[in-house]
C-alpha cells in the first residue's frame, strides 16, 4: 500500500513538473523561487518519511529437515579409462 502511494506521489510530482511551462528568468521575483525550494523540500521529507517507515521484509527460515539413511559424502577416485589415469568425483554412502 505504501509503495503504491509512493509511486503515485512520484508520478504526480513528475507530471506536474513536466506540464509546468518554463518562465523566463527574472531576478526580482525571489519569493517564487523560495516557495518552490521549500515546497520541494517538504514534498521530499513527506515522501522520504513514508519510504523510511515501511516495515522491513519478513524472513522465513526453512523448516526442520529429516534425514533418512546414512550420511553421504563426495570423494575423489582415480581410475583407468583405457587411455590413461583420470580422476572423478564419487558419492560414497555408508
N, C-alpha and C. Protein backbone atom coordinates (compact mmCIF):
# COMPACT_ATOMS: atom_id res chain seq x y z
N UNK A 1 0.82 -1.18 0.00
CA UNK A 1 0.00 0.00 0.00
C UNK A 1 0.87 1.26 0.00
N UNK A 2 1.88 1.25 0.84
CA UNK A 2 2.75 2.43 0.91
C UNK A 2 3.58 2.59 -0.35
N UNK A 3 3.96 1.47 -0.94
CA UNK A 3 4.71 1.56 -2.19
C UNK A 3 3.84 2.17 -3.28
N UNK A 4 2.58 1.80 -3.29
CA UNK A 4 1.66 2.35 -4.29
C UNK A 4 1.51 3.85 -4.11
N UNK A 5 1.36 4.29 -2.87
CA UNK A 5 1.24 5.72 -2.59
C UNK A 5 2.52 6.44 -2.99
N UNK A 6 3.65 5.84 -2.69
CA UNK A 6 4.95 6.44 -3.04
C UNK A 6 5.09 6.58 -4.54
N UNK A 7 4.71 5.55 -5.28
CA UNK A 7 4.82 5.59 -6.74
C UNK A 7 3.87 6.64 -7.31
N UNK A 8 2.64 6.69 -6.79
CA UNK A 8 1.67 7.67 -7.29
C UNK A 8 2.13 9.10 -6.98
N UNK A 9 2.68 9.33 -5.79
CA UNK A 9 3.18 10.66 -5.44
C UNK A 9 4.35 11.06 -6.34
N UNK A 10 5.23 10.13 -6.62
CA UNK A 10 6.37 10.41 -7.50
C UNK A 10 5.90 10.71 -8.92
N UNK A 11 4.94 9.92 -9.40
CA UNK A 11 4.42 10.13 -10.75
C UNK A 11 3.70 11.48 -10.85
N UNK A 12 2.94 11.85 -9.82
CA UNK A 12 2.25 13.14 -9.83
C UNK A 12 3.24 14.30 -9.82
N UNK A 13 4.30 14.15 -9.05
CA UNK A 13 5.32 15.21 -9.00
C UNK A 13 6.00 15.38 -10.35
N UNK A 14 6.36 14.25 -10.98
CA UNK A 14 6.99 14.33 -12.30
C UNK A 14 6.04 14.88 -13.35
N UNK A 15 4.77 14.50 -13.29
CA UNK A 15 3.79 15.01 -14.25
C UNK A 15 3.59 16.51 -14.08
N UNK A 16 3.51 16.99 -12.85
CA UNK A 16 3.35 18.42 -12.60
C UNK A 16 4.56 19.20 -13.08
N UNK A 17 5.74 18.64 -12.88
CA UNK A 17 6.96 19.32 -13.33
C UNK A 17 7.04 19.35 -14.85
N UNK A 18 6.56 18.30 -15.51
CA UNK A 18 6.61 18.25 -16.97
C UNK A 18 5.58 19.19 -17.60
N UNK A 19 4.44 19.37 -16.95
CA UNK A 19 3.39 20.22 -17.51
C UNK A 19 3.59 21.71 -17.23
N UNK A 20 4.37 22.04 -16.24
CA UNK A 20 4.60 23.44 -15.91
C UNK A 20 5.41 24.09 -17.02
N UNK A 21 4.90 25.19 -17.52
CA UNK A 21 5.60 25.90 -18.60
C UNK A 21 6.77 26.69 -18.01
N UNK A 22 7.95 26.55 -18.59
CA UNK A 22 9.08 27.31 -18.07
C UNK A 22 8.89 28.81 -18.30
N UNK A 23 9.14 29.58 -17.28
CA UNK A 23 9.01 31.04 -17.37
C UNK A 23 10.40 31.64 -17.55
N UNK A 24 10.46 32.79 -18.18
CA UNK A 24 11.76 33.44 -18.33
C UNK A 24 12.32 33.83 -16.96
N UNK A 25 13.62 33.78 -16.84
CA UNK A 25 14.28 34.07 -15.57
C UNK A 25 14.20 35.56 -15.25
N UNK A 26 13.81 35.87 -14.02
CA UNK A 26 13.75 37.25 -13.56
C UNK A 26 14.37 37.32 -12.17
N UNK A 27 15.22 38.28 -11.96
CA UNK A 27 15.91 38.41 -10.68
C UNK A 27 15.04 39.04 -9.61
N UNK A 28 13.96 39.75 -9.97
CA UNK A 28 13.16 40.47 -8.99
C UNK A 28 12.10 39.62 -8.31
N UNK A 29 11.88 38.38 -8.76
CA UNK A 29 10.82 37.56 -8.19
C UNK A 29 11.44 36.42 -7.37
N UNK A 30 12.10 36.74 -6.26
CA UNK A 30 12.77 35.74 -5.44
C UNK A 30 11.84 34.95 -4.55
N UNK A 31 10.64 35.45 -4.29
CA UNK A 31 9.69 34.76 -3.42
C UNK A 31 9.18 33.46 -4.04
N UNK A 32 8.99 33.44 -5.33
CA UNK A 32 8.51 32.24 -6.00
C UNK A 32 9.57 31.14 -5.97
N UNK A 33 10.82 31.52 -6.11
CA UNK A 33 11.90 30.53 -6.07
C UNK A 33 12.01 29.94 -4.67
N UNK A 34 11.91 30.78 -3.67
CA UNK A 34 11.99 30.30 -2.29
C UNK A 34 10.82 29.38 -1.97
N UNK A 35 9.63 29.73 -2.45
CA UNK A 35 8.47 28.88 -2.23
C UNK A 35 8.64 27.54 -2.93
N UNK A 36 9.19 27.54 -4.12
CA UNK A 36 9.43 26.28 -4.85
C UNK A 36 10.44 25.41 -4.14
N UNK A 37 11.50 26.03 -3.62
CA UNK A 37 12.53 25.26 -2.89
C UNK A 37 11.94 24.68 -1.61
N UNK A 38 11.19 25.49 -0.87
CA UNK A 38 10.58 25.00 0.37
C UNK A 38 9.54 23.92 0.09
N UNK A 39 8.77 24.09 -0.96
CA UNK A 39 7.78 23.08 -1.33
C UNK A 39 8.44 21.77 -1.73
N UNK A 40 9.54 21.85 -2.46
CA UNK A 40 10.28 20.64 -2.85
C UNK A 40 10.88 19.93 -1.65
N UNK A 41 11.42 20.71 -0.72
CA UNK A 41 11.96 20.10 0.50
C UNK A 41 10.87 19.42 1.32
N UNK A 42 9.71 20.07 1.42
CA UNK A 42 8.61 19.49 2.19
C UNK A 42 8.11 18.20 1.52
N UNK A 43 7.94 18.24 0.21
CA UNK A 43 7.49 17.03 -0.50
C UNK A 43 8.51 15.91 -0.35
N UNK A 44 9.78 16.25 -0.44
CA UNK A 44 10.82 15.23 -0.26
C UNK A 44 10.82 14.64 1.13
N UNK A 45 10.57 15.48 2.13
CA UNK A 45 10.52 14.98 3.50
C UNK A 45 9.33 14.06 3.71
N UNK A 46 8.19 14.40 3.12
CA UNK A 46 7.00 13.56 3.26
C UNK A 46 7.20 12.22 2.56
N UNK A 47 7.68 12.25 1.35
CA UNK A 47 7.90 11.00 0.60
C UNK A 47 9.00 10.17 1.25
N UNK A 48 10.07 10.81 1.70
CA UNK A 48 11.14 10.08 2.38
C UNK A 48 10.69 9.48 3.69
N UNK A 49 9.85 10.20 4.43
CA UNK A 49 9.33 9.66 5.68
C UNK A 49 8.43 8.46 5.44
N UNK A 50 7.63 8.51 4.38
CA UNK A 50 6.77 7.36 4.06
C UNK A 50 7.59 6.15 3.66
N UNK A 51 8.66 6.38 2.91
CA UNK A 51 9.50 5.27 2.47
C UNK A 51 10.30 4.69 3.63
N UNK A 52 10.74 5.54 4.55
CA UNK A 52 11.57 5.07 5.66
C UNK A 52 10.76 4.33 6.72
N UNK A 53 9.48 4.62 6.82
CA UNK A 53 8.69 3.98 7.87
C UNK A 53 8.11 2.63 7.43
N UNK A 54 8.42 2.20 6.23
CA UNK A 54 7.93 0.90 5.77
C UNK A 54 8.60 -0.21 6.58
N UNK A 55 7.87 -1.25 6.93
CA UNK A 55 8.46 -2.33 7.72
C UNK A 55 9.47 -3.12 6.88
N UNK A 56 10.48 -3.69 7.52
CA UNK A 56 11.46 -4.46 6.76
C UNK A 56 10.81 -5.74 6.21
N UNK A 57 11.35 -6.29 5.15
CA UNK A 57 10.77 -7.50 4.59
C UNK A 57 10.88 -8.67 5.58
N UNK A 58 9.89 -9.52 5.58
CA UNK A 58 9.87 -10.66 6.50
C UNK A 58 10.79 -11.76 5.98
N UNK A 59 11.44 -12.45 6.88
CA UNK A 59 12.31 -13.57 6.52
C UNK A 59 11.76 -14.82 7.19
N UNK A 60 11.55 -15.82 6.41
CA UNK A 60 11.05 -17.08 6.94
C UNK A 60 12.14 -18.13 6.80
N UNK A 61 12.55 -18.69 7.92
CA UNK A 61 13.59 -19.72 7.92
C UNK A 61 12.99 -21.03 7.41
N UNK A 62 13.81 -21.85 6.78
CA UNK A 62 13.29 -23.14 6.32
C UNK A 62 12.92 -24.03 7.51
N UNK A 63 11.97 -24.90 7.30
CA UNK A 63 11.52 -25.78 8.36
C UNK A 63 12.55 -26.85 8.68
N UNK A 64 12.31 -27.58 9.76
CA UNK A 64 13.27 -28.63 10.12
C UNK A 64 13.27 -29.74 9.07
N UNK A 65 14.44 -30.25 8.80
CA UNK A 65 14.56 -31.32 7.82
C UNK A 65 14.88 -32.64 8.49
N UNK A 66 14.38 -33.69 7.93
CA UNK A 66 14.61 -35.02 8.47
C UNK A 66 15.39 -35.83 7.45
N UNK A 67 16.49 -36.41 7.90
CA UNK A 67 17.36 -37.16 7.01
C UNK A 67 17.12 -38.64 7.27
N UNK A 68 16.84 -39.34 6.20
CA UNK A 68 16.69 -40.79 6.36
C UNK A 68 17.85 -41.47 5.66
N UNK A 69 18.45 -42.41 6.31
CA UNK A 69 19.56 -43.14 5.72
C UNK A 69 20.90 -42.66 6.24
N UNK A 70 21.94 -43.32 5.80
CA UNK A 70 23.29 -42.96 6.27
C UNK A 70 23.77 -41.66 5.62
N UNK A 71 24.70 -40.98 6.29
CA UNK A 71 25.25 -39.77 5.70
C UNK A 71 26.13 -40.11 4.49
N UNK A 72 26.08 -39.25 3.51
CA UNK A 72 26.87 -39.46 2.29
C UNK A 72 27.88 -38.32 2.15
N UNK A 73 28.93 -38.59 1.42
CA UNK A 73 29.94 -37.57 1.16
C UNK A 73 30.53 -37.83 -0.22
N UNK A 74 31.23 -36.82 -0.74
CA UNK A 74 31.88 -36.94 -2.05
C UNK A 74 33.37 -37.16 -1.83
N UNK A 75 33.94 -38.00 -2.68
CA UNK A 75 35.38 -38.17 -2.60
C UNK A 75 35.92 -38.40 -4.00
N UNK A 76 37.23 -38.12 -4.18
CA UNK A 76 37.86 -38.25 -5.50
C UNK A 76 38.43 -39.65 -5.65
N UNK A 77 38.27 -40.18 -6.86
CA UNK A 77 38.71 -41.55 -7.11
C UNK A 77 39.49 -41.57 -8.43
N UNK A 78 40.61 -42.26 -8.43
CA UNK A 78 41.43 -42.39 -9.63
C UNK A 78 41.05 -43.67 -10.35
N UNK A 79 40.89 -43.60 -11.68
CA UNK A 79 40.52 -44.79 -12.44
C UNK A 79 41.22 -44.77 -13.80
N UNK A 80 41.33 -45.96 -14.39
CA UNK A 80 41.97 -46.13 -15.71
C UNK A 80 40.85 -46.22 -16.74
N UNK A 81 40.88 -45.35 -17.76
CA UNK A 81 39.81 -45.35 -18.75
C UNK A 81 40.23 -46.03 -20.06
N UNK A 82 41.36 -46.71 -20.06
CA UNK A 82 41.83 -47.40 -21.25
C UNK A 82 42.92 -46.63 -21.98
N UNK A 83 42.99 -45.31 -21.73
CA UNK A 83 44.00 -44.47 -22.36
C UNK A 83 44.95 -43.85 -21.35
N UNK A 84 44.51 -43.74 -20.13
CA UNK A 84 45.34 -43.12 -19.09
C UNK A 84 44.55 -43.00 -17.80
N UNK A 85 45.25 -42.58 -16.76
CA UNK A 85 44.61 -42.42 -15.45
C UNK A 85 43.83 -41.11 -15.43
N UNK A 86 42.62 -41.18 -14.89
CA UNK A 86 41.78 -40.00 -14.76
C UNK A 86 41.22 -39.95 -13.34
N UNK A 87 40.69 -38.79 -12.97
CA UNK A 87 40.12 -38.62 -11.63
C UNK A 87 38.66 -38.19 -11.78
N UNK A 88 37.81 -38.82 -10.97
CA UNK A 88 36.39 -38.45 -10.97
C UNK A 88 35.91 -38.33 -9.53
N UNK A 89 34.80 -37.61 -9.36
CA UNK A 89 34.20 -37.47 -8.03
C UNK A 89 33.13 -38.53 -7.89
N UNK A 90 33.16 -39.23 -6.75
CA UNK A 90 32.23 -40.32 -6.50
C UNK A 90 31.52 -40.05 -5.18
N UNK A 91 30.22 -40.33 -5.15
CA UNK A 91 29.44 -40.16 -3.92
C UNK A 91 29.49 -41.45 -3.14
N UNK A 92 29.92 -41.34 -1.88
CA UNK A 92 30.04 -42.52 -1.02
C UNK A 92 29.02 -42.42 0.11
N UNK A 93 28.24 -43.48 0.28
CA UNK A 93 27.28 -43.55 1.37
C UNK A 93 27.61 -44.79 2.21
N UNK A 94 27.59 -44.60 3.51
CA UNK A 94 27.94 -45.70 4.39
C UNK A 94 26.73 -46.49 4.82
